[in-house]
PDB file of N, CA and C in Angstrom:
ATOM      1  N   UNK A   1      26.176  39.311  19.972  1.00  0.00           N
ATOM      2  CA  UNK A   1      25.241  38.266  20.041  1.00  0.00           C
ATOM      3  C   UNK A   1      26.059  36.911  19.936  1.00  0.00           C
ATOM      4  N   UNK A   2      25.641  35.849  20.623  1.00  0.00           N
ATOM      5  CA  UNK A   2      26.373  34.692  20.578  1.00  0.00           C
ATOM      6  C   UNK A   2      26.058  33.846  19.571  1.00  0.00           C
ATOM      7  N   UNK A   3      26.804  32.862  19.033  1.00  0.00           N
ATOM      8  CA  UNK A   3      26.648  31.991  17.922  1.00  0.00           C
ATOM      9  C   UNK A   3      25.609  30.768  18.025  1.00  0.00           C
ATOM     10  N   UNK A   4      25.724  30.563  19.264  1.00  0.00           N
ATOM     11  CA  UNK A   4      24.834  29.347  19.555  1.00  0.00           C
ATOM     12  C   UNK A   4      23.391  29.876  19.693  1.00  0.00           C
ATOM     13  N   UNK A   5      22.112  29.015  19.375  1.00  0.00           N
ATOM     14  CA  UNK A   5      20.910  29.190  19.711  1.00  0.00           C
ATOM     15  C   UNK A   5      20.395  28.739  21.012  1.00  0.00           C
ATOM     16  N   UNK A   6      19.682  29.370  21.557  1.00  0.00           N
ATOM     17  CA  UNK A   6      19.012  28.878  22.862  1.00  0.00           C
ATOM     18  C   UNK A   6      17.886  27.636  22.615  1.00  0.00           C
ATOM     19  N   UNK A   7      17.535  26.881  23.404  1.00  0.00           N
ATOM     20  CA  UNK A   7      16.820  25.794  22.986  1.00  0.00           C
ATOM     21  C   UNK A   7      15.412  26.355  22.850  1.00  0.00           C
ATOM     22  N   UNK A   8      15.054  27.515  23.485  1.00  0.00           N
ATOM     23  CA  UNK A   8      13.772  28.236  22.919  1.00  0.00           C
ATOM     24  C   UNK A   8      13.622  28.398  21.493  1.00  0.00           C
ATOM     25  N   UNK A   9      14.832  28.893  21.038  1.00  0.00           N
ATOM     26  CA  UNK A   9      14.783  29.434  19.710  1.00  0.00           C
ATOM     27  C   UNK A   9      14.744  28.082  18.739  1.00  0.00           C
ATOM     28  N   UNK A  10      15.717  26.889  18.986  1.00  0.00           N
ATOM     29  CA  UNK A  10      15.397  25.701  18.350  1.00  0.00           C
ATOM     30  C   UNK A  10      13.993  24.991  18.303  1.00  0.00           C
ATOM     31  N   UNK A  11      13.448  25.179  19.597  1.00  0.00           N
ATOM     32  CA  UNK A  11      12.110  24.550  19.519  1.00  0.00           C
ATOM     33  C   UNK A  11      11.047  25.273  18.765  1.00  0.00           C
ATOM     34  N   UNK A  12      11.128  26.619  18.756  1.00  0.00           N
ATOM     35  CA  UNK A  12      10.297  27.455  18.164  1.00  0.00           C
ATOM     36  C   UNK A  12      10.594  27.030  16.449  1.00  0.00           C
ATOM     37  N   UNK A  13      11.770  26.872  16.030  1.00  0.00           N
ATOM     38  CA  UNK A  13      11.887  26.535  14.603  1.00  0.00           C
ATOM     39  C   UNK A  13      11.391  25.208  14.332  1.00  0.00           C
ATOM     40  N   UNK A  14      11.470  24.262  15.267  1.00  0.00           N
ATOM     41  CA  UNK A  14      10.946  22.899  14.849  1.00  0.00           C
ATOM     42  C   UNK A  14       9.613  23.077  14.675  1.00  0.00           C
ATOM     43  N   UNK A  15       8.875  23.889  15.379  1.00  0.00           N
ATOM     44  CA  UNK A  15       7.347  23.992  15.525  1.00  0.00           C
ATOM     45  C   UNK A  15       6.712  24.506  14.154  1.00  0.00           C
ATOM     46  N   UNK A  16       7.588  25.360  13.731  1.00  0.00           N
ATOM     47  CA  UNK A  16       7.241  26.134  12.663  1.00  0.00           C
ATOM     48  C   UNK A  16       7.329  25.291  11.289  1.00  0.00           C
ATOM     49  N   UNK A  17       8.191  24.409  11.219  1.00  0.00           N
ATOM     50  CA  UNK A  17       8.483  23.438  10.353  1.00  0.00           C
ATOM     51  C   UNK A  17       7.251  22.788   9.863  1.00  0.00           C
ATOM     52  N   UNK A  18       6.745  22.550   8.576  1.00  0.00           N
ATOM     53  CA  UNK A  18       5.559  21.483   8.460  1.00  0.00           C
ATOM     54  C   UNK A  18       6.015  20.136   8.554  1.00  0.00           C
ATOM     55  N   UNK A  19       5.058  19.274   8.824  1.00  0.00           N
ATOM     56  CA  UNK A  19       5.229  18.002   9.129  1.00  0.00           C
ATOM     57  C   UNK A  19       4.943  17.230   8.143  1.00  0.00           C
ATOM     58  N   UNK A  20       5.876  16.799   7.454  1.00  0.00           N
ATOM     59  CA  UNK A  20       5.432  16.021   6.102  1.00  0.00           C
ATOM     60  C   UNK A  20       6.017  14.804   6.090  1.00  0.00           C
ATOM     61  N   UNK A  21       4.997  13.839   6.211  1.00  0.00           N
ATOM     62  CA  UNK A  21       5.477  12.225   6.273  1.00  0.00           C
ATOM     63  C   UNK A  21       5.206  11.669   4.716  1.00  0.00           C
ATOM     64  N   UNK A  22       6.088  10.517   4.686  1.00  0.00           N
ATOM     65  CA  UNK A  22       5.843   9.631   3.474  1.00  0.00           C
ATOM     66  C   UNK A  22       5.293   8.472   3.877  1.00  0.00           C
ATOM     67  N   UNK A  23       4.453   8.225   3.176  1.00  0.00           N
ATOM     68  CA  UNK A  23       3.837   6.562   3.395  1.00  0.00           C
ATOM     69  C   UNK A  23       3.736   5.764   2.316  1.00  0.00           C
ATOM     70  N   UNK A  24       4.140   4.621   2.328  1.00  0.00           N
ATOM     71  CA  UNK A  24       4.275   3.697   1.484  1.00  0.00           C
ATOM     72  C   UNK A  24       3.094   2.566   1.679  1.00  0.00           C
ATOM     73  N   UNK A  25       2.337   2.703   0.618  1.00  0.00           N
ATOM     74  CA  UNK A  25       1.006   1.642   0.795  1.00  0.00           C
ATOM     75  C   UNK A  25       1.354   0.332  -0.047  1.00  0.00           C
ATOM     76  N   UNK A  26       1.308  -0.873   0.421  1.00  0.00           N
ATOM     77  CA  UNK A  26       1.534  -1.937  -0.525  1.00  0.00           C
ATOM     78  C   UNK A  26       0.022  -2.769  -0.401  1.00  0.00           C
ATOM     79  N   UNK A  27      -0.364  -2.918  -1.592  1.00  0.00           N
ATOM     80  CA  UNK A  27      -2.024  -3.566  -1.769  1.00  0.00           C
ATOM     81  C   UNK A  27      -1.604  -5.030  -2.502  1.00  0.00           C
ATOM     82  N   UNK A  28      -2.177  -5.921  -1.976  1.00  0.00           N
ATOM     83  CA  UNK A  28      -2.134  -7.307  -2.460  1.00  0.00           C
ATOM     84  C   UNK A  28      -3.570  -7.861  -2.606  1.00  0.00           C
ATOM     85  N   UNK A  29      -3.802  -8.492  -3.606  1.00  0.00           N
ATOM     86  CA  UNK A  29      -5.272  -9.202  -3.877  1.00  0.00           C
ATOM     87  C   UNK A  29      -5.159 -10.188  -4.900  1.00  0.00           C
ATOM     88  N   UNK A  30      -5.938 -11.174  -4.874  1.00  0.00           N
ATOM     89  CA  UNK A  30      -6.023 -12.331  -5.883  1.00  0.00           C
ATOM     90  C   UNK A  30      -6.655 -11.936  -7.087  1.00  0.00           C
ATOM     91  N   UNK A  31      -7.569 -10.901  -7.108  1.00  0.00           N
ATOM     92  CA  UNK A  31      -8.203 -10.706  -8.459  1.00  0.00           C
ATOM     93  C   UNK A  31      -7.683  -9.191  -8.713  1.00  0.00           C
ATOM     94  N   UNK A  32      -7.461  -9.049 -10.241  1.00  0.00           N
ATOM     95  CA  UNK A  32      -6.773  -7.731 -10.578  1.00  0.00           C
ATOM     96  C   UNK A  32      -7.565  -6.722 -10.722  1.00  0.00           C
ATOM     97  N   UNK A  33      -8.954  -6.910 -10.886  1.00  0.00           N
ATOM     98  CA  UNK A  33     -10.014  -5.813 -11.145  1.00  0.00           C
ATOM     99  C   UNK A  33     -10.331  -5.280  -9.490  1.00  0.00           C
ATOM    100  N   UNK A  34     -10.313  -6.026  -8.601  1.00  0.00           N
ATOM    101  CA  UNK A  34     -10.278  -5.366  -7.399  1.00  0.00           C
ATOM    102  C   UNK A  34      -9.367  -4.620  -6.638  1.00  0.00           C
ATOM    103  N   UNK A  35      -7.999  -5.134  -7.259  1.00  0.00           N
ATOM    104  CA  UNK A  35      -6.947  -4.383  -6.749  1.00  0.00           C
ATOM    105  C   UNK A  35      -7.019  -3.093  -7.481  1.00  0.00           C
ATOM    106  N   UNK A  36      -7.144  -2.959  -8.870  1.00  0.00           N
ATOM    107  CA  UNK A  36      -7.158  -1.781  -9.507  1.00  0.00           C
ATOM    108  C   UNK A  36      -8.484  -0.890  -8.915  1.00  0.00           C
ATOM    109  N   UNK A  37      -9.421  -1.374  -8.570  1.00  0.00           N
ATOM    110  CA  UNK A  37     -10.637  -0.406  -7.991  1.00  0.00           C
ATOM    111  C   UNK A  37      -9.967   0.296  -6.678  1.00  0.00           C
ATOM    112  N   UNK A  38      -9.332  -0.371  -5.813  1.00  0.00           N
ATOM    113  CA  UNK A  38      -8.890   0.059  -4.652  1.00  0.00           C
ATOM    114  C   UNK A  38      -7.626   0.826  -4.698  1.00  0.00           C
ATOM    115  N   UNK A  39      -6.952   0.746  -5.702  1.00  0.00           N
ATOM    116  CA  UNK A  39      -5.932   1.666  -5.744  1.00  0.00           C
ATOM    117  C   UNK A  39      -6.401   3.132  -6.193  1.00  0.00           C
ATOM    118  N   UNK A  40      -7.589   2.913  -7.335  1.00  0.00           N
ATOM    119  CA  UNK A  40      -8.161   4.089  -7.471  1.00  0.00           C
ATOM    120  C   UNK A  40      -8.656   4.941  -6.359  1.00  0.00           C
ATOM    121  N   UNK A  41      -9.680   4.192  -5.398  1.00  0.00           N
ATOM    122  CA  UNK A  41     -10.012   4.837  -4.100  1.00  0.00           C
ATOM    123  C   UNK A  41      -9.056   5.446  -3.427  1.00  0.00           C
ATOM    124  N   UNK A  42      -7.872   4.712  -3.341  1.00  0.00           N
ATOM    125  CA  UNK A  42      -6.866   5.288  -2.265  1.00  0.00           C
ATOM    126  C   UNK A  42      -6.267   6.542  -2.944  1.00  0.00           C
ATOM    127  N   UNK A  43      -6.040   6.686  -4.317  1.00  0.00           N
ATOM    128  CA  UNK A  43      -5.376   7.861  -4.860  1.00  0.00           C
ATOM    129  C   UNK A  43      -6.556   8.817  -4.781  1.00  0.00           C
ATOM    130  N   UNK A  44      -7.528   8.768  -5.149  1.00  0.00           N
ATOM    131  CA  UNK A  44      -8.573   9.741  -5.106  1.00  0.00           C
ATOM    132  C   UNK A  44      -8.953  10.223  -3.751  1.00  0.00           C
ATOM    133  N   UNK A  45      -8.572   9.488  -2.599  1.00  0.00           N
ATOM    134  CA  UNK A  45      -8.926  10.113  -1.383  1.00  0.00           C
ATOM    135  C   UNK A  45      -7.610  10.974  -0.900  1.00  0.00           C
ATOM    136  N   UNK A  46      -6.416  10.298  -1.279  1.00  0.00           N
ATOM    137  CA  UNK A  46      -5.046  11.163  -1.162  1.00  0.00           C
ATOM    138  C   UNK A  46      -5.135  12.497  -1.675  1.00  0.00           C
ATOM    139  N   UNK A  47      -5.449  12.570  -2.960  1.00  0.00           N
ATOM    140  CA  UNK A  47      -5.663  13.754  -3.807  1.00  0.00           C
ATOM    141  C   UNK A  47      -6.759  14.735  -3.223  1.00  0.00           C
ATOM    142  N   UNK A  48      -7.610  14.192  -2.726  1.00  0.00           N
ATOM    143  CA  UNK A  48      -8.882  15.065  -2.337  1.00  0.00           C
ATOM    144  C   UNK A  48      -8.112  15.746  -0.878  1.00  0.00           C
ATOM    145  N   UNK A  49      -7.516  15.169  -0.182  1.00  0.00           N
ATOM    146  CA  UNK A  49      -6.962  15.665   1.131  1.00  0.00           C
ATOM    147  C   UNK A  49      -5.584  16.505   1.010  1.00  0.00           C
ATOM    148  N   UNK A  50      -5.139  16.805  -0.351  1.00  0.00           N
ATOM    149  CA  UNK A  50      -4.122  17.567  -0.536  1.00  0.00           C
ATOM    150  C   UNK A  50      -2.665  17.052  -0.672  1.00  0.00           C
ATOM    151  N   UNK A  51      -2.506  15.795  -0.515  1.00  0.00           N
ATOM    152  CA  UNK A  51      -1.185  15.217  -0.671  1.00  0.00           C
ATOM    153  C   UNK A  51      -0.881  14.744  -2.064  1.00  0.00           C
ATOM    154  N   UNK A  52       0.325  14.670  -2.527  1.00  0.00           N
ATOM    155  CA  UNK A  52       0.604  14.172  -3.762  1.00  0.00           C
ATOM    156  C   UNK A  52       1.046  12.487  -3.579  1.00  0.00           C
ATOM    157  N   UNK A  53       0.765  11.982  -4.917  1.00  0.00           N
ATOM    158  CA  UNK A  53       0.959  10.611  -5.026  1.00  0.00           C
ATOM    159  C   UNK A  53       1.880  10.192  -6.209  1.00  0.00           C
ATOM    160  N   UNK A  54       2.742   9.056  -5.652  1.00  0.00           N
ATOM    161  CA  UNK A  54       3.595   8.355  -6.711  1.00  0.00           C
ATOM    162  C   UNK A  54       3.177   6.995  -6.979  1.00  0.00           C
ATOM    163  N   UNK A  55       2.743   6.754  -8.059  1.00  0.00           N
ATOM    164  CA  UNK A  55       2.257   5.437  -8.443  1.00  0.00           C
ATOM    165  C   UNK A  55       0.841   5.508  -8.851  1.00  0.00           C
ATOM    166  N   UNK A  56       0.237   4.214  -8.991  1.00  0.00           N
ATOM    167  CA  UNK A  56       0.577   2.962  -8.554  1.00  0.00           C
ATOM    168  C   UNK A  56       1.539   2.380  -9.349  1.00  0.00           C
ATOM    169  N   UNK A  57       2.543   1.386  -8.708  1.00  0.00           N
ATOM    170  CA  UNK A  57       3.472   0.865  -9.436  1.00  0.00           C
ATOM    171  C   UNK A  57       3.096  -0.735  -9.381  1.00  0.00           C
ATOM    172  N   UNK A  58       2.699  -1.338 -10.468  1.00  0.00           N
ATOM    173  CA  UNK A  58       2.522  -2.606 -10.422  1.00  0.00           C
ATOM    174  C   UNK A  58       3.702  -3.645 -10.294  1.00  0.00           C
ATOM    175  N   UNK A  59       3.805  -4.119  -9.085  1.00  0.00           N
ATOM    176  CA  UNK A  59       4.639  -5.275  -8.745  1.00  0.00           C
ATOM    177  C   UNK A  59       4.663  -6.533  -9.267  1.00  0.00           C
ATOM    178  N   UNK A  60       5.791  -7.151  -9.528  1.00  0.00           N
ATOM    179  CA  UNK A  60       5.572  -8.707 -10.227  1.00  0.00           C
ATOM    180  C   UNK A  60       4.544  -9.536  -9.489  1.00  0.00           C
ATOM    181  N   UNK A  61       3.945 -10.412 -10.304  1.00  0.00           N
ATOM    182  CA  UNK A  61       2.608 -11.245  -9.823  1.00  0.00           C
ATOM    183  C   UNK A  61       3.333 -12.320  -9.142  1.00  0.00           C
ATOM    184  N   UNK A  62       2.882 -12.945  -8.217  1.00  0.00           N
ATOM    185  CA  UNK A  62       3.335 -14.057  -7.511  1.00  0.00           C
ATOM    186  C   UNK A  62       2.494 -15.190  -8.243  1.00  0.00           C
ATOM    187  N   UNK A  63       2.916 -16.265  -8.494  1.00  0.00           N
ATOM    188  CA  UNK A  63       2.108 -17.371  -9.198  1.00  0.00           C
ATOM    189  C   UNK A  63       2.506 -18.600  -8.279  1.00  0.00           C
ATOM    190  N   UNK A  64       1.480 -19.103  -7.768  1.00  0.00           N
ATOM    191  CA  UNK A  64       1.992 -20.496  -6.821  1.00  0.00           C
ATOM    192  C   UNK A  64       1.076 -21.457  -7.507  1.00  0.00           C
ATOM    193  N   UNK A  65       1.714 -22.571  -8.106  1.00  0.00           N
ATOM    194  CA  UNK A  65       1.227 -23.500  -8.923  1.00  0.00           C
ATOM    195  C   UNK A  65       1.137 -24.616  -7.921  1.00  0.00           C
ATOM    196  N   UNK A  66       0.179 -25.543  -7.978  1.00  0.00           N
ATOM    197  CA  UNK A  66      -0.242 -26.833  -7.311  1.00  0.00           C
ATOM    198  C   UNK A  66      -0.606 -27.910  -8.193  1.00  0.00           C
ATOM    199  N   UNK A  67       0.081 -29.191  -7.994  1.00  0.00           N
ATOM    200  CA  UNK A  67      -0.343 -30.385  -8.936  1.00  0.00           C
ATOM    201  C   UNK A  67      -0.727 -31.286  -8.004  1.00  0.00           C
ATOM    202  N   UNK A  68      -2.093 -31.942  -8.242  1.00  0.00           N
ATOM    203  CA  UNK A  68      -2.824 -32.720  -7.418  1.00  0.00           C
ATOM    204  C   UNK A  68      -3.274 -34.000  -8.270  1.00  0.00           C
ATOM    205  N   UNK A  69      -3.088 -35.086  -7.638  1.00  0.00           N
ATOM    206  CA  UNK A  69      -3.422 -36.436  -8.535  1.00  0.00           C
ATOM    207  C   UNK A  69      -4.893 -36.679  -8.449  1.00  0.00           C
ATOM    208  N   UNK A  70      -5.382 -36.895  -9.807  1.00  0.00           N
ATOM    209  CA  UNK A  70      -6.783 -37.013  -9.790  1.00  0.00           C
ATOM    210  C   UNK A  70      -7.319 -38.282  -9.127  1.00  0.00           C
ATOM    211  N   UNK A  71      -6.647 -39.228  -9.150  1.00  0.00           N
ATOM    212  CA  UNK A  71      -6.831 -40.639  -8.515  1.00  0.00           C
ATOM    213  C   UNK A  71      -6.059 -40.878  -7.516  1.00  0.00           C
ATOM    214  N   UNK A  72      -6.538 -41.502  -6.421  1.00  0.00           N
ATOM    215  CA  UNK A  72      -5.823 -41.702  -5.119  1.00  0.00           C
ATOM    216  C   UNK A  72      -4.996 -43.064  -5.234  1.00  0.00           C
ATOM    217  N   UNK A  73      -5.290 -43.893  -6.224  1.00  0.00           N
ATOM    218  CA  UNK A  73      -4.813 -45.254  -6.046  1.00  0.00           C
ATOM    219  C   UNK A  73      -4.071 -45.470  -7.474  1.00  0.00           C
ATOM    220  N   UNK A  74      -4.833 -45.361  -8.249  1.00  0.00           N
ATOM    221  CA  UNK A  74      -4.370 -45.940  -9.676  1.00  0.00           C
ATOM    222  C   UNK A  74      -4.221 -44.692 -10.641  1.00  0.00           C
ATOM    223  N   UNK A  75      -3.574 -44.651 -11.823  1.00  0.00           N
ATOM    224  CA  UNK A  75      -3.315 -43.839 -12.659  1.00  0.00           C
ATOM    225  C   UNK A  75      -2.608 -42.456 -12.168  1.00  0.00           C
ATOM    226  N   UNK A  76      -1.282 -42.621 -11.922  1.00  0.00           N
ATOM    227  CA  UNK A  76      -0.476 -41.577 -11.117  1.00  0.00           C
ATOM    228  C   UNK A  76      -0.437 -40.304 -12.343  1.00  0.00           C
ATOM    229  N   UNK A  77      -0.291 -40.868 -13.756  1.00  0.00           N
ATOM    230  CA  UNK A  77      -0.148 -40.030 -14.733  1.00  0.00           C
ATOM    231  C   UNK A  77      -1.266 -38.682 -14.822  1.00  0.00           C
ATOM    232  N   UNK A  78      -2.655 -39.277 -14.209  1.00  0.00           N
ATOM    233  CA  UNK A  78      -3.748 -38.201 -14.401  1.00  0.00           C
ATOM    234  C   UNK A  78      -3.575 -37.296 -13.299  1.00  0.00           C
ATOM    235  N   UNK A  79      -3.414 -35.960 -13.540  1.00  0.00           N
ATOM    236  CA  UNK A  79      -3.195 -34.963 -12.627  1.00  0.00           C
ATOM    237  C   UNK A  79      -3.929 -33.719 -12.976  1.00  0.00           C
ATOM    238  N   UNK A  80      -4.157 -33.235 -11.788  1.00  0.00           N
ATOM    239  CA  UNK A  80      -4.789 -31.517 -12.160  1.00  0.00           C
ATOM    240  C   UNK A  80      -3.855 -30.508 -11.597  1.00  0.00           C
ATOM    241  N   UNK A  81      -3.775 -29.484 -12.446  1.00  0.00           N
ATOM    242  CA  UNK A  81      -2.794 -28.457 -11.900  1.00  0.00           C
ATOM    243  C   UNK A  81      -3.715 -27.200 -11.755  1.00  0.00           C
ATOM    244  N   UNK A  82      -3.240 -26.635 -10.585  1.00  0.00           N
ATOM    245  CA  UNK A  82      -4.101 -25.286 -10.126  1.00  0.00           C
ATOM    246  C   UNK A  82      -3.185 -24.224  -9.962  1.00  0.00           C
ATOM    247  N   UNK A  83      -3.446 -23.134 -10.306  1.00  0.00           N
ATOM    248  CA  UNK A  83      -2.622 -21.771 -10.083  1.00  0.00           C
ATOM    249  C   UNK A  83      -3.106 -20.614  -9.406  1.00  0.00           C
ATOM    250  N   UNK A  84      -2.474 -20.110  -8.365  1.00  0.00           N
ATOM    251  CA  UNK A  84      -2.894 -18.984  -7.551  1.00  0.00           C
ATOM    252  C   UNK A  84      -2.169 -17.695  -7.794  1.00  0.00           C
ATOM    253  N   UNK A  85      -2.882 -16.522  -8.296  1.00  0.00           N
ATOM    254  CA  UNK A  85      -1.922 -15.530  -8.480  1.00  0.00           C
ATOM    255  C   UNK A  85      -2.302 -14.304  -7.488  1.00  0.00           C
ATOM    256  N   UNK A  86      -1.289 -13.580  -7.116  1.00  0.00           N
ATOM    257  CA  UNK A  86      -1.411 -12.650  -6.013  1.00  0.00           C
ATOM    258  C   UNK A  86      -0.604 -11.437  -6.772  1.00  0.00           C
ATOM    259  N   UNK A  87      -1.680 -10.452  -7.131  1.00  0.00           N
ATOM    260  CA  UNK A  87      -1.347  -9.205  -7.748  1.00  0.00           C
ATOM    261  C   UNK A  87      -1.035  -8.218  -6.641  1.00  0.00           C
ATOM    262  N   UNK A  88       0.040  -7.422  -6.982  1.00  0.00           N
ATOM    263  CA  UNK A  88       0.599  -6.460  -5.981  1.00  0.00           C
ATOM    264  C   UNK A  88       0.927  -5.098  -6.641  1.00  0.00           C
ATOM    265  N   UNK A  89       0.500  -4.025  -5.798  1.00  0.00           N
ATOM    266  CA  UNK A  89       0.805  -2.745  -6.186  1.00  0.00           C
ATOM    267  C   UNK A  89       1.370  -1.951  -5.147  1.00  0.00           C
ATOM    268  N   UNK A  90       2.118  -0.745  -5.455  1.00  0.00           N
ATOM    269  CA  UNK A  90       3.041  -0.018  -4.516  1.00  0.00           C
ATOM    270  C   UNK A  90       2.379   1.514  -4.874  1.00  0.00           C
ATOM    271  N   UNK A  91       2.352   2.080  -3.750  1.00  0.00           N
ATOM    272  CA  UNK A  91       1.569   3.597  -3.909  1.00  0.00           C
ATOM    273  C   UNK A  91       2.557   4.325  -2.914  1.00  0.00           C
ATOM    274  N   UNK A  92       3.153   5.424  -3.182  1.00  0.00           N
ATOM    275  CA  UNK A  92       3.859   6.242  -2.522  1.00  0.00           C
ATOM    276  C   UNK A  92       3.143   7.455  -2.245  1.00  0.00           C
ATOM    277  N   UNK A  93       2.904   7.899  -1.059  1.00  0.00           N
ATOM    278  CA  UNK A  93       2.187   9.256  -0.680  1.00  0.00           C
ATOM    279  C   UNK A  93       3.037  10.160  -0.161  1.00  0.00           C
ATOM    280  N   UNK A  94       3.464  11.266  -1.029  1.00  0.00           N
ATOM    281  CA  UNK A  94       4.379  12.355  -0.587  1.00  0.00           C
ATOM    282  C   UNK A  94       3.706  13.481   0.120  1.00  0.00           C
ATOM    283  N   UNK A  95       4.369  14.066   1.114  1.00  0.00           N
ATOM    284  CA  UNK A  95       3.864  15.060   1.844  1.00  0.00           C
ATOM    285  C   UNK A  95       2.492  14.914   2.506  1.00  0.00           C
ATOM    286  N   UNK A  96       2.184  13.699   3.258  1.00  0.00           N
ATOM    287  CA  UNK A  96       1.089  13.545   3.778  1.00  0.00           C
ATOM    288  C   UNK A  96       0.872  14.257   5.075  1.00  0.00           C
ATOM    289  N   UNK A  97      -0.277  14.954   5.205  1.00  0.00           N
ATOM    290  CA  UNK A  97      -0.705  15.556   6.376  1.00  0.00           C
ATOM    291  C   UNK A  97      -1.780  14.706   7.333  1.00  0.00           C
ATOM    292  N   UNK A  98      -1.749  15.103   8.691  1.00  0.00           N
ATOM    293  CA  UNK A  98      -2.703  14.415   9.576  1.00  0.00           C
ATOM    294  C   UNK A  98      -4.084  13.976   8.906  1.00  0.00           C
ATOM    295  N   UNK A  99      -4.565  15.183   7.885  1.00  0.00           N
ATOM    296  CA  UNK A  99      -5.812  14.871   7.251  1.00  0.00           C
ATOM    297  C   UNK A  99      -5.889  13.606   6.218  1.00  0.00           C
ATOM    298  N   UNK A 100      -4.653  13.450   5.496  1.00  0.00           N
ATOM    299  CA  UNK A 100      -4.731  12.462   4.926  1.00  0.00           C
ATOM    300  C   UNK A 100      -4.679  11.020   5.676  1.00  0.00           C
ATOM    301  N   UNK A 101      -3.776  10.960   6.717  1.00  0.00           N
ATOM    302  CA  UNK A 101      -3.758   9.870   7.441  1.00  0.00           C
ATOM    303  C   UNK A 101      -5.226   9.331   8.226  1.00  0.00           C
ATOM    304  N   UNK A 102      -5.738  10.312   8.664  1.00  0.00           N
ATOM    305  CA  UNK A 102      -7.139   9.987   9.038  1.00  0.00           C
ATOM    306  C   UNK A 102      -8.000   9.553   7.855  1.00  0.00           C
ATOM    307  N   UNK A 103      -7.757  10.062   6.796  1.00  0.00           N
ATOM    308  CA  UNK A 103      -8.856   9.695   5.771  1.00  0.00           C
ATOM    309  C   UNK A 103      -8.245   8.258   5.264  1.00  0.00           C
ATOM    310  N   UNK A 104      -7.177   8.108   5.343  1.00  0.00           N
ATOM    311  CA  UNK A 104      -6.772   6.376   4.922  1.00  0.00           C
ATOM    312  C   UNK A 104      -7.145   5.602   5.950  1.00  0.00           C
ATOM    313  N   UNK A 105      -7.334   5.824   7.198  1.00  0.00           N
ATOM    314  CA  UNK A 105      -7.563   4.735   8.258  1.00  0.00           C
ATOM    315  C   UNK A 105      -9.025   4.715   8.166  1.00  0.00           C
ATOM    316  N   UNK A 106      -9.754   5.523   7.853  1.00  0.00           N
ATOM    317  CA  UNK A 106     -11.134   5.336   7.834  1.00  0.00           C
ATOM    318  C   UNK A 106     -11.860   5.065   6.540  1.00  0.00           C
ATOM    319  N   UNK A 107     -10.902   4.431   5.779  1.00  0.00           N
ATOM    320  CA  UNK A 107     -11.269   4.144   4.235  1.00  0.00           C
ATOM    321  C   UNK A 107     -12.163   2.838   4.445  1.00  0.00           C
ATOM    322  N   UNK A 108     -13.269   2.554   3.852  1.00  0.00           N
ATOM    323  CA  UNK A 108     -13.777   1.202   3.516  1.00  0.00           C
ATOM    324  C   UNK A 108     -13.457   0.682   2.189  1.00  0.00           C
ATOM    325  N   UNK A 109     -12.821  -0.588   2.039  1.00  0.00           N
ATOM    326  CA  UNK A 109     -12.217  -1.136   0.860  1.00  0.00           C
ATOM    327  C   UNK A 109     -13.031  -2.355   0.689  1.00  0.00           C
ATOM    328  N   UNK A 110     -12.948  -2.930  -0.671  1.00  0.00           N
ATOM    329  CA  UNK A 110     -13.534  -4.116  -0.910  1.00  0.00           C
ATOM    330  C   UNK A 110     -13.081  -5.335  -0.204  1.00  0.00           C
ATOM    331  N   UNK A 111     -13.649  -6.378   0.072  1.00  0.00           N
ATOM    332  CA  UNK A 111     -13.164  -7.562   0.647  1.00  0.00           C
ATOM    333  C   UNK A 111     -12.140  -8.296  -0.343  1.00  0.00           C
ATOM    334  N   UNK A 112     -11.197  -8.935   0.487  1.00  0.00           N
ATOM    335  CA  UNK A 112     -10.198  -9.713  -0.547  1.00  0.00           C
ATOM    336  C   UNK A 112      -8.894  -8.850  -0.779  1.00  0.00           C
ATOM    337  N   UNK A 113      -8.958  -7.819  -0.299  1.00  0.00           N
ATOM    338  CA  UNK A 113      -7.731  -6.680  -0.551  1.00  0.00           C
ATOM    339  C   UNK A 113      -6.786  -6.748   0.919  1.00  0.00           C
ATOM    340  N   UNK A 114      -5.505  -6.793   0.766  1.00  0.00           N
ATOM    341  CA  UNK A 114      -4.625  -6.680   1.943  1.00  0.00           C
ATOM    342  C   UNK A 114      -3.818  -5.601   1.774  1.00  0.00           C
ATOM    343  N   UNK A 115      -3.880  -4.632   2.642  1.00  0.00           N
ATOM    344  CA  UNK A 115      -3.017  -3.306   2.731  1.00  0.00           C
ATOM    345  C   UNK A 115      -2.156  -3.249   3.858  1.00  0.00           C
ATOM    346  N   UNK A 116      -0.782  -2.798   3.498  1.00  0.00           N
ATOM    347  CA  UNK A 116      -0.056  -2.812   4.479  1.00  0.00           C
ATOM    348  C   UNK A 116       0.721  -1.336   4.369  1.00  0.00           C
ATOM    349  N   UNK A 117       0.470  -0.282   5.446  1.00  0.00           N
ATOM    350  CA  UNK A 117       0.978   0.905   5.277  1.00  0.00           C
ATOM    351  C   UNK A 117       2.133   1.397   6.174  1.00  0.00           C
ATOM    352  N   UNK A 118       3.180   1.877   5.859  1.00  0.00           N
ATOM    353  CA  UNK A 118       4.407   2.093   6.615  1.00  0.00           C
ATOM    354  C   UNK A 118       4.947   3.552   6.380  1.00  0.00           C
ATOM    355  N   UNK A 119       5.284   4.052   7.371  1.00  0.00           N
ATOM    356  CA  UNK A 119       5.493   5.674   7.546  1.00  0.00           C
ATOM    357  C   UNK A 119       7.052   5.680   7.141  1.00  0.00           C
ATOM    358  N   UNK A 120       7.607   6.181   6.171  1.00  0.00           N
ATOM    359  CA  UNK A 120       9.000   6.281   5.951  1.00  0.00           C
ATOM    360  C   UNK A 120       9.661   7.754   6.340  1.00  0.00           C
TER     361      UNK A 120
END
């Protein structure tokens, strides 16, 4: 028997191996309550389809501060300060199957949430 495998044997072993993909989900929102609801919905959906989840991992909150003059002409010392916070979460989905990917693509989520999905 020869030591090398034929192409048919290699193709058969590749087809038998289960396809397991890792998906990294990054979630961004201005409101921390909405982002927590969204992560809960995503995790419940993934667990229901049979994949395992790592996270949610809270990432550092981006804080953007803006200073605006109250008066346009006089009193330069009178100013208003505004702050905009962007909350972020990271979820890793391990051993995702096609059913999981379909469920995530058909998910309806609250407004004001930005989701970015990457296959790893």
